[in-house]
Amino acid sequence: MGALLWLTIPVLAAIAATLYAGWAARNNRKNVGDVEELAGYTRFREAMERARTDTDAAA
């Protein structure tokens, strides 16, 4: 009987871990979409290009 009790502890821990992993992995934020993400990356890349040309012109 004692062995069965000790077996329930890891089983309950595994169930709790599974439930927590499912809860933590759910998607909380709204999907932004690839179009907005790519537009943001394009703006970033253009800003980096401007910064590099400004630095090159100053040198």
C-alpha atoms as a PDB file:
ATOM      1  CA  MET A   1       0.000   0.000   0.000  1.00  0.00           C
ATOM      2  CA  GLY A   2       2.875   2.365   0.795  1.00  0.00           C
ATOM      3  CA  ALA A   3       4.401   1.781  -2.656  1.00  0.00           C
ATOM      4  CA  LEU A   4       1.114   2.695  -4.279  1.00  0.00           C
ATOM      5  CA  LEU A   5       0.993   5.929  -2.328  1.00  0.00           C
ATOM      6  CA  TRP A   6       4.534   6.802  -3.405  1.00  0.00           C
ATOM      7  CA  LEU A   7       3.592   6.020  -7.011  1.00  0.00           C
ATOM      8  CA  THR A   8       0.698   8.472  -6.965  1.00  0.00           C
ATOM      9  CA  ILE A   9       3.004  11.416  -6.209  1.00  0.00           C
ATOM     10  CA  PRO A  10       4.917  11.313  -9.544  1.00  0.00           C
ATOM     11  CA  VAL A  11       1.720  10.484 -11.422  1.00  0.00           C
ATOM     12  CA  LEU A  12      -0.040  13.535  -9.978  1.00  0.00           C
ATOM     13  CA  ALA A  13       3.056  15.642 -10.655  1.00  0.00           C
ATOM     14  CA  ALA A  14       3.083  14.490 -14.293  1.00  0.00           C
ATOM     15  CA  ILE A  15      -0.600  15.355 -14.670  1.00  0.00           C
ATOM     16  CA  ALA A  16      -0.025  18.771 -13.099  1.00  0.00           C
ATOM     17  CA  ALA A  17       2.972  19.378 -15.383  1.00  0.00           C
ATOM     18  CA  THR A  18       0.932  18.422 -18.440  1.00  0.00           C
ATOM     19  CA  LEU A  19      -1.880  20.775 -17.467  1.00  0.00           C
ATOM     20  CA  TYR A  20       0.559  23.615 -16.782  1.00  0.00           C
ATOM     21  CA  ALA A  21       2.366  23.072 -20.101  1.00  0.00           C
ATOM     22  CA  GLY A  22      -0.922  23.233 -21.965  1.00  0.00           C
ATOM     23  CA  TRP A  23      -1.917  26.392 -20.115  1.00  0.00           C
ATOM     24  CA  ALA A  24       1.472  28.058 -20.656  1.00  0.00           C
ATOM     25  CA  ALA A  25       1.592  27.189 -24.357  1.00  0.00           C
ATOM     26  CA  ARG A  26      -1.763  28.678 -25.249  1.00  0.00           C
ATOM     27  CA  ASN A  27      -1.741  31.697 -27.499  1.00  0.00           C
ATOM     28  CA  ASN A  28      -2.478  34.746 -25.340  1.00  0.00           C
ATOM     29  CA  ARG A  29      -1.911  37.527 -27.821  1.00  0.00           C
ATOM     30  CA  LYS A  30      -3.822  38.217 -30.952  1.00  0.00           C
ATOM     31  CA  ASN A  31      -2.285  37.034 -34.166  1.00  0.00           C
ATOM     32  CA  VAL A  32      -0.502  39.989 -35.672  1.00  0.00           C
ATOM     33  CA  GLY A  33      -0.106  38.389 -39.034  1.00  0.00           C
ATOM     34  CA  ASP A  34       2.812  38.059 -41.358  1.00  0.00           C
ATOM     35  CA  VAL A  35       2.041  41.220 -43.313  1.00  0.00           C
ATOM     36  CA  GLU A  36       2.413  43.496 -40.287  1.00  0.00           C
ATOM     37  CA  GLU A  37       5.505  41.652 -39.097  1.00  0.00           C
ATOM     38  CA  LEU A  38       7.160  41.954 -42.500  1.00  0.00           C
ATOM     39  CA  ALA A  39       6.248  45.642 -42.724  1.00  0.00           C
ATOM     40  CA  GLY A  40       7.887  46.236 -39.355  1.00  0.00           C
ATOM     41  CA  TYR A  41      11.000  44.392 -40.484  1.00  0.00           C
ATOM     42  CA  THR A  42      11.110  46.455 -43.676  1.00  0.00           C
ATOM     43  CA  ARG A  43      10.901  49.693 -41.673  1.00  0.00           C
ATOM     44  CA  PHE A  44      13.699  48.463 -39.415  1.00  0.00           C
ATOM     45  CA  ARG A  45      15.891  47.496 -42.364  1.00  0.00           C
ATOM     46  CA  GLU A  46      15.337  50.877 -44.046  1.00  0.00           C
ATOM     47  CA  ALA A  47      16.212  52.688 -40.833  1.00  0.00           C
ATOM     48  CA  MET A  48      19.426  50.679 -40.562  1.00  0.00           C
ATOM     49  CA  GLU A  49      20.305  51.519 -44.166  1.00  0.00           C
ATOM     50  CA  ARG A  50      19.737  55.235 -43.490  1.00  0.00           C
ATOM     51  CA  ALA A  51      21.892  55.067 -40.367  1.00  0.00           C
ATOM     52  CA  ARG A  52      24.691  53.414 -42.304  1.00  0.00           C
ATOM     53  CA  THR A  53      24.580  55.941 -45.162  1.00  0.00           C
ATOM     54  CA  ASP A  54      24.516  58.820 -42.651  1.00  0.00           C
ATOM     55  CA  THR A  55      27.596  57.416 -40.941  1.00  0.00           C
ATOM     56  CA  ASP A  56      29.369  56.867 -44.256  1.00  0.00           C
ATOM     57  CA  ALA A  57      28.592  60.421 -45.395  1.00  0.00           C
ATOM     58  CA  ALA A  58      29.921  61.890 -42.139  1.00  0.00           C
ATOM     59  CA  ALA A  59      33.222  60.032 -42.469  1.00  0.00           C
END
